[in-house]
Amino acid sequence: MAQQATPVRRARLGRALGTEPTAVSGVVLLLPGGEEASARRPSPMLATASVRALGRRLVRAGRAEGLVVHVVHYRFRGWNGTEADLARDASWAADEVVRRYGDVPVCLAGVDMGGRAALHAGGHTAVNSVLAMSPWLPEEDVAAPAEPVKQLVGRRVLIVHGTNDERTDPELSFRLASRVKKANRDVCRFEVHSDGHALSQHREEVLALAEDFVMGTLFGRAFSRPVEDALAAPPPLGLRMPLASGFGRSLRR
């Protein structure tokens, strides 16, 4: 009996969240978290759970502008060293957006290991902005190449990190943001004081910040004053911007 070939795993886009607009004018690709090393296929339900609240918020905010939001379903759970599988899947997803929707701006929005994938894949020609929330980044090692940053030139980048994150070191995201800022002034980083990896204590403020950034980068809406200030401030001020309690309830532009 002939041996059956092992099926080739492929990344895919989940169904558009909410009602897909008739005319699409911007796309957000949600990149869930993952593991450092794993060849197992991710659970679709678990993967979606980490970005579901953000996706719903963005769909409501951008529906009238023609926003479409998709979750990227990876081939593997793991980053897997130099294979950088999650970043490859993020780049594939951006290609798929171009194939489906044409020349529309794309924001890569990732959490945890998905934040690292968003930063790596940010150089795709369709991408105009990157949102990395609690990004997992490797410990700095003189024997290993540093995380790349040149691909982020010309993109707007927002990093959000809780100061009490015990899974992903916020100091590493600050150092990365400092390196990105040297090549690209359109970078800011907000610190969520006393919050942990899931950013659950200040969830409403974090979601409001994400909405403000994404609507501004994709559709040209005016940024809130805190985001404007963070983008304009020299380091380290714009890279250690505290996220104020109540952000989003009474934004002053």
C-alpha atoms as a PDB file:
ATOM      1  CA  MET A   1       0.000   0.000   0.000  1.00  0.00           C
ATOM      2  CA  ALA A   2       1.320   3.415  -0.951  1.00  0.00           C
ATOM      3  CA  GLN A   3       2.117   5.640   2.016  1.00  0.00           C
ATOM      4  CA  GLN A   4      -0.039   8.735   2.205  1.00  0.00           C
ATOM      5  CA  ALA A   5       1.818  12.029   2.104  1.00  0.00           C
ATOM      6  CA  THR A   6       1.613  14.186   5.212  1.00  0.00           C
ATOM      7  CA  PRO A   7      -0.670  17.156   4.498  1.00  0.00           C
ATOM      8  CA  VAL A   8       1.123  20.467   4.259  1.00  0.00           C
ATOM      9  CA  ARG A   9      -0.012  22.825   6.987  1.00  0.00           C
ATOM     10  CA  ARG A  10      -1.134  26.245   5.865  1.00  0.00           C
ATOM     11  CA  ALA A  11      -1.878  29.418   7.748  1.00  0.00           C
ATOM     12  CA  ARG A  12      -5.316  30.893   7.230  1.00  0.00           C
ATOM     13  CA  LEU A  13      -7.405  33.947   7.985  1.00  0.00           C
ATOM     14  CA  GLY A  14     -10.389  33.503  10.241  1.00  0.00           C
ATOM     15  CA  ARG A  15     -13.737  34.800   9.113  1.00  0.00           C
ATOM     16  CA  ALA A  16     -14.052  38.568   9.269  1.00  0.00           C
ATOM     17  CA  LEU A  17     -15.225  39.642  12.705  1.00  0.00           C
ATOM     18  CA  GLY A  18     -18.644  41.249  12.606  1.00  0.00           C
ATOM     19  CA  THR A  19     -20.313  42.198   9.346  1.00  0.00           C
ATOM     20  CA  GLU A  20     -17.872  42.701   6.493  1.00  0.00           C
ATOM     21  CA  PRO A  21     -18.347  46.123   4.883  1.00  0.00           C
ATOM     22  CA  THR A  22     -19.250  46.436   1.213  1.00  0.00           C
ATOM     23  CA  ALA A  23     -16.158  48.525   0.517  1.00  0.00           C
ATOM     24  CA  VAL A  24     -13.025  47.632   2.475  1.00  0.00           C
ATOM     25  CA  SER A  25     -10.659  50.519   3.127  1.00  0.00           C
ATOM     26  CA  GLY A  26      -8.447  49.141   5.919  1.00  0.00           C
ATOM     27  CA  VAL A  27      -7.583  45.820   7.544  1.00  0.00           C
ATOM     28  CA  VAL A  28      -6.397  44.773  10.982  1.00  0.00           C
ATOM     29  CA  LEU A  29      -4.716  41.385  11.280  1.00  0.00           C
ATOM     30  CA  LEU A  30      -4.891  40.042  14.836  1.00  0.00           C
ATOM     31  CA  LEU A  31      -1.903  37.902  15.799  1.00  0.00           C
ATOM     32  CA  PRO A  32      -2.513  35.760  18.898  1.00  0.00           C
ATOM     33  CA  GLY A  33       0.151  34.582  21.317  1.00  0.00           C
ATOM     34  CA  GLY A  34       2.157  31.417  20.916  1.00  0.00           C
ATOM     35  CA  GLU A  35       4.999  29.394  22.369  1.00  0.00           C
ATOM     36  CA  GLU A  36       8.735  29.629  22.030  1.00  0.00           C
ATOM     37  CA  ALA A  37       8.996  26.195  20.430  1.00  0.00           C
ATOM     38  CA  SER A  38       6.196  23.865  19.353  1.00  0.00           C
ATOM     39  CA  ALA A  39       5.271  22.004  16.176  1.00  0.00           C
ATOM     40  CA  ARG A  40       1.711  21.421  17.371  1.00  0.00           C
ATOM     41  CA  ARG A  41      -1.217  23.088  15.633  1.00  0.00           C
ATOM     42  CA  PRO A  42      -2.801  25.888  17.690  1.00  0.00           C
ATOM     43  CA  SER A  43      -6.300  25.524  19.097  1.00  0.00           C
ATOM     44  CA  PRO A  44      -8.520  27.974  17.141  1.00  0.00           C
ATOM     45  CA  MET A  45     -10.679  28.731  20.182  1.00  0.00           C
ATOM     46  CA  LEU A  46      -7.790  29.393  22.532  1.00  0.00           C
ATOM     47  CA  ALA A  47      -5.962  31.483  19.952  1.00  0.00           C
ATOM     48  CA  THR A  48      -8.967  33.663  19.263  1.00  0.00           C
ATOM     49  CA  ALA A  49      -9.664  34.221  22.960  1.00  0.00           C
ATOM     50  CA  SER A  50      -6.510  36.295  23.461  1.00  0.00           C
ATOM     51  CA  VAL A  51      -7.487  38.858  20.811  1.00  0.00           C
ATOM     52  CA  ARG A  52     -11.270  38.637  20.729  1.00  0.00           C
ATOM     53  CA  ALA A  53     -11.983  41.699  22.894  1.00  0.00           C
ATOM     54  CA  LEU A  54      -9.580  43.835  20.867  1.00  0.00           C
ATOM     55  CA  GLY A  55     -11.131  42.646  17.611  1.00  0.00           C
ATOM     56  CA  ARG A  56     -14.676  43.443  18.732  1.00  0.00           C
ATOM     57  CA  ARG A  57     -13.628  46.904  19.868  1.00  0.00           C
ATOM     58  CA  LEU A  58     -11.934  47.708  16.573  1.00  0.00           C
ATOM     59  CA  VAL A  59     -14.831  46.388  14.476  1.00  0.00           C
ATOM     60  CA  ARG A  60     -17.255  48.691  16.288  1.00  0.00           C
ATOM     61  CA  ALA A  61     -14.938  51.662  15.965  1.00  0.00           C
ATOM     62  CA  GLY A  62     -14.102  51.203  12.293  1.00  0.00           C
ATOM     63  CA  ARG A  63     -17.224  49.715  10.717  1.00  0.00           C
ATOM     64  CA  ALA A  64     -18.310  53.023   9.175  1.00  0.00           C
ATOM     65  CA  GLU A  65     -14.797  53.566   7.775  1.00  0.00           C
ATOM     66  CA  GLY A  66     -14.745  50.209   5.976  1.00  0.00           C
ATOM     67  CA  LEU A  67     -12.569  48.319   8.443  1.00  0.00           C
ATOM     68  CA  VAL A  68     -12.188  44.540   8.266  1.00  0.00           C
ATOM     69  CA  VAL A  69     -10.627  42.562  11.128  1.00  0.00           C
ATOM     70  CA  HIS A  70      -9.297  39.003  10.776  1.00  0.00           C
ATOM     71  CA  VAL A  71      -7.577  36.673  13.224  1.00  0.00           C
ATOM     72  CA  VAL A  72      -4.535  34.927  11.765  1.00  0.00           C
ATOM     73  CA  HIS A  73      -4.516  31.180  12.431  1.00  0.00           C
ATOM     74  CA  TYR A  74      -0.934  29.959  12.502  1.00  0.00           C
ATOM     75  CA  ARG A  75       0.418  26.688  11.165  1.00  0.00           C
ATOM     76  CA  PHE A  76       2.260  25.977  14.432  1.00  0.00           C
ATOM     77  CA  ARG A  77       2.046  27.086  18.033  1.00  0.00           C
ATOM     78  CA  GLY A  78       5.748  27.861  18.235  1.00  0.00           C
ATOM     79  CA  TRP A  79       8.073  30.567  16.974  1.00  0.00           C
ATOM     80  CA  ASN A  80      10.618  27.794  16.465  1.00  0.00           C
ATOM     81  CA  GLY A  81      13.934  29.588  16.436  1.00  0.00           C
ATOM     82  CA  THR A  82      15.279  30.762  13.116  1.00  0.00           C
ATOM     83  CA  GLU A  83      12.183  29.406  11.360  1.00  0.00           C
ATOM     84  CA  ALA A  84      10.245  32.331  12.884  1.00  0.00           C
ATOM     85  CA  ASP A  85       7.054  30.520  11.904  1.00  0.00           C
ATOM     86  CA  LEU A  86       4.632  33.034  13.418  1.00  0.00           C
ATOM     87  CA  ALA A  87       6.292  35.934  11.608  1.00  0.00           C
ATOM     88  CA  ARG A  88       6.159  33.990   8.339  1.00  0.00           C
ATOM     89  CA  ASP A  89       2.445  33.402   8.855  1.00  0.00           C
ATOM     90  CA  ALA A  90       1.915  37.109   9.574  1.00  0.00           C
ATOM     91  CA  SER A  91       3.641  38.005   6.304  1.00  0.00           C
ATOM     92  CA  TRP A  92       1.549  35.429   4.451  1.00  0.00           C
ATOM     93  CA  ALA A  93      -1.587  36.974   5.965  1.00  0.00           C
ATOM     94  CA  ALA A  94      -0.591  40.414   4.688  1.00  0.00           C
ATOM     95  CA  ASP A  95      -0.115  38.906   1.230  1.00  0.00           C
ATOM     96  CA  GLU A  96      -3.579  37.375   1.504  1.00  0.00           C
ATOM     97  CA  VAL A  97      -5.077  40.761   2.393  1.00  0.00           C
ATOM     98  CA  VAL A  98      -3.596  42.237  -0.786  1.00  0.00           C
ATOM     99  CA  ARG A  99      -4.989  39.336  -2.801  1.00  0.00           C
ATOM    100  CA  ARG A 100      -8.487  39.711  -1.330  1.00  0.00           C
ATOM    101  CA  TYR A 101      -8.863  43.450  -0.866  1.00  0.00           C
ATOM    102  CA  GLY A 102      -6.260  45.140  -3.024  1.00  0.00           C
ATOM    103  CA  ASP A 103      -4.208  48.157  -2.027  1.00  0.00           C
ATOM    104  CA  VAL A 104      -5.527  48.939   1.460  1.00  0.00           C
ATOM    105  CA  PRO A 105      -3.506  49.836   4.572  1.00  0.00           C
ATOM    106  CA  VAL A 106      -2.906  47.047   7.076  1.00  0.00           C
ATOM    107  CA  CYS A 107      -2.249  47.168  10.807  1.00  0.00           C
ATOM    108  CA  LEU A 108      -0.611  44.143  12.401  1.00  0.00           C
ATOM    109  CA  ALA A 109      -1.858  43.868  15.988  1.00  0.00           C
ATOM    110  CA  GLY A 110      -0.268  41.149  18.081  1.00  0.00           C
ATOM    111  CA  VAL A 111      -0.208  40.004  21.690  1.00  0.00           C
ATOM    112  CA  ASP A 112       2.580  38.082  23.435  1.00  0.00           C
ATOM    113  CA  MET A 113       4.464  36.074  20.785  1.00  0.00           C
ATOM    114  CA  GLY A 114       2.073  37.577  18.236  1.00  0.00           C
ATOM    115  CA  GLY A 115       3.503  40.974  19.173  1.00  0.00           C
ATOM    116  CA  ARG A 116       6.940  39.754  18.168  1.00  0.00           C
ATOM    117  CA  ALA A 117       5.469  38.410  14.917  1.00  0.00           C
ATOM    118  CA  ALA A 118       3.849  41.782  14.204  1.00  0.00           C
ATOM    119  CA  LEU A 119       7.145  43.592  14.733  1.00  0.00           C
ATOM    120  CA  HIS A 120       9.071  41.177  12.509  1.00  0.00           C
ATOM    121  CA  ALA A 121       6.494  41.247   9.701  1.00  0.00           C
ATOM    122  CA  GLY A 122       5.983  45.003   9.882  1.00  0.00           C
ATOM    123  CA  GLY A 123       8.161  45.545   6.836  1.00  0.00           C
ATOM    124  CA  HIS A 124       5.552  44.082   4.484  1.00  0.00           C
ATOM    125  CA  THR A 125       4.682  46.676   1.844  1.00  0.00           C
ATOM    126  CA  ALA A 126       0.968  46.626   2.753  1.00  0.00           C
ATOM    127  CA  VAL A 127       1.607  47.323   6.445  1.00  0.00           C
ATOM    128  CA  ASN A 128       1.480  50.908   7.628  1.00  0.00           C
ATOM    129  CA  SER A 129       1.314  50.325  11.390  1.00  0.00           C
ATOM    130  CA  VAL A 130       2.162  47.815  14.114  1.00  0.00           C
ATOM    131  CA  LEU A 131       0.576  47.374  17.530  1.00  0.00           C
ATOM    132  CA  ALA A 132       2.455  45.063  19.916  1.00  0.00           C
ATOM    133  CA  MET A 133       0.819  44.326  23.272  1.00  0.00           C
ATOM    134  CA  SER A 134       2.911  42.605  25.964  1.00  0.00           C
ATOM    135  CA  PRO A 135       5.271  41.385  23.242  1.00  0.00           C
ATOM    136  CA  TRP A 136       7.377  38.316  23.962  1.00  0.00           C
ATOM    137  CA  LEU A 137      10.980  39.098  23.099  1.00  0.00           C
ATOM    138  CA  PRO A 138      14.074  36.929  23.568  1.00  0.00           C
ATOM    139  CA  GLU A 139      16.623  37.678  26.251  1.00  0.00           C
ATOM    140  CA  GLU A 140      19.483  39.678  24.819  1.00  0.00           C
ATOM    141  CA  ASP A 141      22.421  37.440  23.973  1.00  0.00           C
ATOM    142  CA  VAL A 142      25.704  38.662  22.514  1.00  0.00           C
ATOM    143  CA  ALA A 143      26.003  35.359  20.638  1.00  0.00           C
ATOM    144  CA  ALA A 144      22.612  35.744  18.929  1.00  0.00           C
ATOM    145  CA  PRO A 145      21.548  38.401  16.429  1.00  0.00           C
ATOM    146  CA  ALA A 146      19.523  41.262  17.881  1.00  0.00           C
ATOM    147  CA  GLU A 147      15.842  41.589  17.040  1.00  0.00           C
ATOM    148  CA  PRO A 148      15.540  43.365  13.658  1.00  0.00           C
ATOM    149  CA  VAL A 149      14.242  46.947  13.555  1.00  0.00           C
ATOM    150  CA  LYS A 150      15.050  48.346  10.076  1.00  0.00           C
ATOM    151  CA  GLN A 151      11.871  46.803   8.637  1.00  0.00           C
ATOM    152  CA  LEU A 152       9.833  49.204  10.798  1.00  0.00           C
ATOM    153  CA  VAL A 153      11.114  52.356   9.102  1.00  0.00           C
ATOM    154  CA  GLY A 154       8.125  54.210   7.645  1.00  0.00           C
ATOM    155  CA  ARG A 155       5.607  52.471   9.913  1.00  0.00           C
ATOM    156  CA  ARG A 156       3.866  53.829  12.977  1.00  0.00           C
ATOM    157  CA  VAL A 157       4.539  51.590  15.945  1.00  0.00           C
ATOM    158  CA  LEU A 158       2.850  51.357  19.342  1.00  0.00           C
ATOM    159  CA  ILE A 159       4.055  49.024  22.081  1.00  0.00           C
ATOM    160  CA  VAL A 160       1.973  48.535  25.242  1.00  0.00           C
ATOM    161  CA  HIS A 161       3.366  46.693  28.252  1.00  0.00           C
ATOM    162  CA  GLY A 162       2.338  46.139  31.867  1.00  0.00           C
ATOM    163  CA  THR A 163       5.030  46.999  34.392  1.00  0.00           C
ATOM    164  CA  ASN A 164       4.239  43.875  36.461  1.00  0.00           C
ATOM    165  CA  ASP A 165       4.362  41.456  33.522  1.00  0.00           C
ATOM    166  CA  GLU A 166       5.963  38.238  34.779  1.00  0.00           C
ATOM    167  CA  ARG A 167       5.818  36.366  31.450  1.00  0.00           C
ATOM    168  CA  THR A 168       7.381  38.876  29.077  1.00  0.00           C
ATOM    169  CA  ASP A 169       9.957  41.321  30.417  1.00  0.00           C
ATOM    170  CA  PRO A 170       8.796  44.931  29.905  1.00  0.00           C
ATOM    171  CA  GLU A 171      12.401  46.118  30.025  1.00  0.00           C
ATOM    172  CA  LEU A 172      13.111  44.146  26.842  1.00  0.00           C
ATOM    173  CA  SER A 173      10.293  45.890  24.976  1.00  0.00           C
ATOM    174  CA  PHE A 174      11.631  49.251  26.189  1.00  0.00           C
ATOM    175  CA  ARG A 175      15.096  48.423  24.857  1.00  0.00           C
ATOM    176  CA  LEU A 176      13.660  47.308  21.546  1.00  0.00           C
ATOM    177  CA  ALA A 177      11.547  50.469  21.304  1.00  0.00           C
ATOM    178  CA  SER A 178      14.691  52.543  21.958  1.00  0.00           C
ATOM    179  CA  ARG A 179      16.440  50.850  19.059  1.00  0.00           C
ATOM    180  CA  VAL A 180      13.440  51.303  16.760  1.00  0.00           C
ATOM    181  CA  LYS A 181      13.193  54.993  17.714  1.00  0.00           C
ATOM    182  CA  LYS A 182      16.718  55.602  16.414  1.00  0.00           C
ATOM    183  CA  ALA A 183      15.600  54.505  12.948  1.00  0.00           C
ATOM    184  CA  ASN A 184      11.993  55.674  13.031  1.00  0.00           C
ATOM    185  CA  ARG A 185      10.590  58.608  14.972  1.00  0.00           C
ATOM    186  CA  ASP A 186       6.981  57.367  14.651  1.00  0.00           C
ATOM    187  CA  VAL A 187       7.322  55.002  17.592  1.00  0.00           C
ATOM    188  CA  CYS A 188       5.837  55.187  21.059  1.00  0.00           C
ATOM    189  CA  ARG A 189       5.463  52.875  24.017  1.00  0.00           C
ATOM    190  CA  PHE A 190       2.956  53.039  26.861  1.00  0.00           C
ATOM    191  CA  GLU A 191       3.467  51.491  30.281  1.00  0.00           C
ATOM    192  CA  VAL A 192       0.448  50.174  32.165  1.00  0.00           C
ATOM    193  CA  HIS A 193       1.496  50.537  35.770  1.00  0.00           C
ATOM    194  CA  SER A 194       0.794  47.643  38.139  1.00  0.00           C
ATOM    195  CA  ASP A 195      -0.759  45.561  35.342  1.00  0.00           C
ATOM    196  CA  GLY A 196       0.355  42.083  34.341  1.00  0.00           C
ATOM    197  CA  HIS A 197       0.795  40.187  31.114  1.00  0.00           C
ATOM    198  CA  ALA A 198      -2.901  40.048  30.171  1.00  0.00           C
ATOM    199  CA  LEU A 199      -3.387  43.791  30.803  1.00  0.00           C
ATOM    200  CA  SER A 200      -6.669  42.887  32.470  1.00  0.00           C
ATOM    201  CA  GLN A 201      -6.695  45.379  35.337  1.00  0.00           C
ATOM    202  CA  HIS A 202      -6.856  48.319  32.935  1.00  0.00           C
ATOM    203  CA  ARG A 203      -8.459  46.537  30.002  1.00  0.00           C
ATOM    204  CA  GLU A 204     -10.784  49.400  29.026  1.00  0.00           C
ATOM    205  CA  GLU A 205      -7.948  51.917  28.921  1.00  0.00           C
ATOM    206  CA  VAL A 206      -5.747  49.545  26.908  1.00  0.00           C
ATOM    207  CA  LEU A 207      -8.520  48.865  24.386  1.00  0.00           C
ATOM    208  CA  ALA A 208      -9.249  52.591  24.082  1.00  0.00           C
ATOM    209  CA  LEU A 209      -5.549  53.248  23.438  1.00  0.00           C
ATOM    210  CA  ALA A 210      -5.446  50.531  20.772  1.00  0.00           C
ATOM    211  CA  GLU A 211      -8.548  51.945  19.089  1.00  0.00           C
ATOM    212  CA  ASP A 212      -7.114  55.459  19.114  1.00  0.00           C
ATOM    213  CA  PHE A 213      -3.890  54.284  17.495  1.00  0.00           C
ATOM    214  CA  VAL A 214      -5.441  51.992  14.881  1.00  0.00           C
ATOM    215  CA  MET A 215      -8.116  54.461  13.761  1.00  0.00           C
ATOM    216  CA  GLY A 216      -5.464  57.149  13.479  1.00  0.00           C
ATOM    217  CA  THR A 217      -2.990  55.102  11.473  1.00  0.00           C
ATOM    218  CA  LEU A 218      -5.462  53.416   9.121  1.00  0.00           C
ATOM    219  CA  PHE A 219      -7.972  56.204   8.563  1.00  0.00           C
ATOM    220  CA  GLY A 220      -6.214  59.421   9.482  1.00  0.00           C
ATOM    221  CA  ARG A 221      -8.298  60.234  12.537  1.00  0.00           C
ATOM    222  CA  ALA A 222      -6.616  62.671  14.900  1.00  0.00           C
ATOM    223  CA  PHE A 223      -4.687  60.928  17.638  1.00  0.00           C
ATOM    224  CA  SER A 224      -5.538  61.674  21.241  1.00  0.00           C
ATOM    225  CA  ARG A 225      -3.223  64.145  22.972  1.00  0.00           C
ATOM    226  CA  PRO A 226      -1.379  61.422  24.935  1.00  0.00           C
ATOM    227  CA  VAL A 227      -0.579  59.470  21.764  1.00  0.00           C
ATOM    228  CA  GLU A 228       0.487  62.643  19.936  1.00  0.00           C
ATOM    229  CA  ASP A 229       2.744  63.560  22.848  1.00  0.00           C
ATOM    230  CA  ALA A 230       4.235  60.076  23.061  1.00  0.00           C
ATOM    231  CA  LEU A 231       5.057  60.005  19.346  1.00  0.00           C
ATOM    232  CA  ALA A 232       6.615  63.471  19.487  1.00  0.00           C
ATOM    233  CA  ALA A 233       8.562  63.088  22.736  1.00  0.00           C
ATOM    234  CA  PRO A 234      12.249  62.193  22.618  1.00  0.00           C
ATOM    235  CA  PRO A 235      13.359  58.985  24.294  1.00  0.00           C
ATOM    236  CA  PRO A 236      12.979  57.859  26.958  1.00  0.00           C
ATOM    237  CA  LEU A 237       9.880  59.999  27.628  1.00  0.00           C
ATOM    238  CA  GLY A 238       7.833  58.785  24.656  1.00  0.00           C
ATOM    239  CA  LEU A 239       8.817  55.200  25.347  1.00  0.00           C
ATOM    240  CA  ARG A 240       7.822  55.157  29.019  1.00  0.00           C
ATOM    241  CA  MET A 241       4.528  57.021  28.667  1.00  0.00           C
ATOM    242  CA  PRO A 242       2.176  56.051  31.514  1.00  0.00           C
ATOM    243  CA  LEU A 243      -1.305  55.008  30.443  1.00  0.00           C
ATOM    244  CA  ALA A 244      -3.578  57.196  32.529  1.00  0.00           C
ATOM    245  CA  SER A 245      -6.437  55.685  34.475  1.00  0.00           C
ATOM    246  CA  GLY A 246      -9.668  56.493  32.668  1.00  0.00           C
ATOM    247  CA  PHE A 247      -8.006  56.936  29.275  1.00  0.00           C
ATOM    248  CA  GLY A 248     -10.674  56.880  26.605  1.00  0.00           C
ATOM    249  CA  ARG A 249     -13.540  58.151  28.729  1.00  0.00           C
ATOM    250  CA  SER A 250     -12.811  61.824  28.245  1.00  0.00           C
ATOM    251  CA  LEU A 251     -10.168  62.214  25.568  1.00  0.00           C
ATOM    252  CA  ARG A 252      -9.042  65.770  24.955  1.00  0.00           C
ATOM    253  CA  ARG A 253      -7.641  66.264  21.500  1.00  0.00           C
END
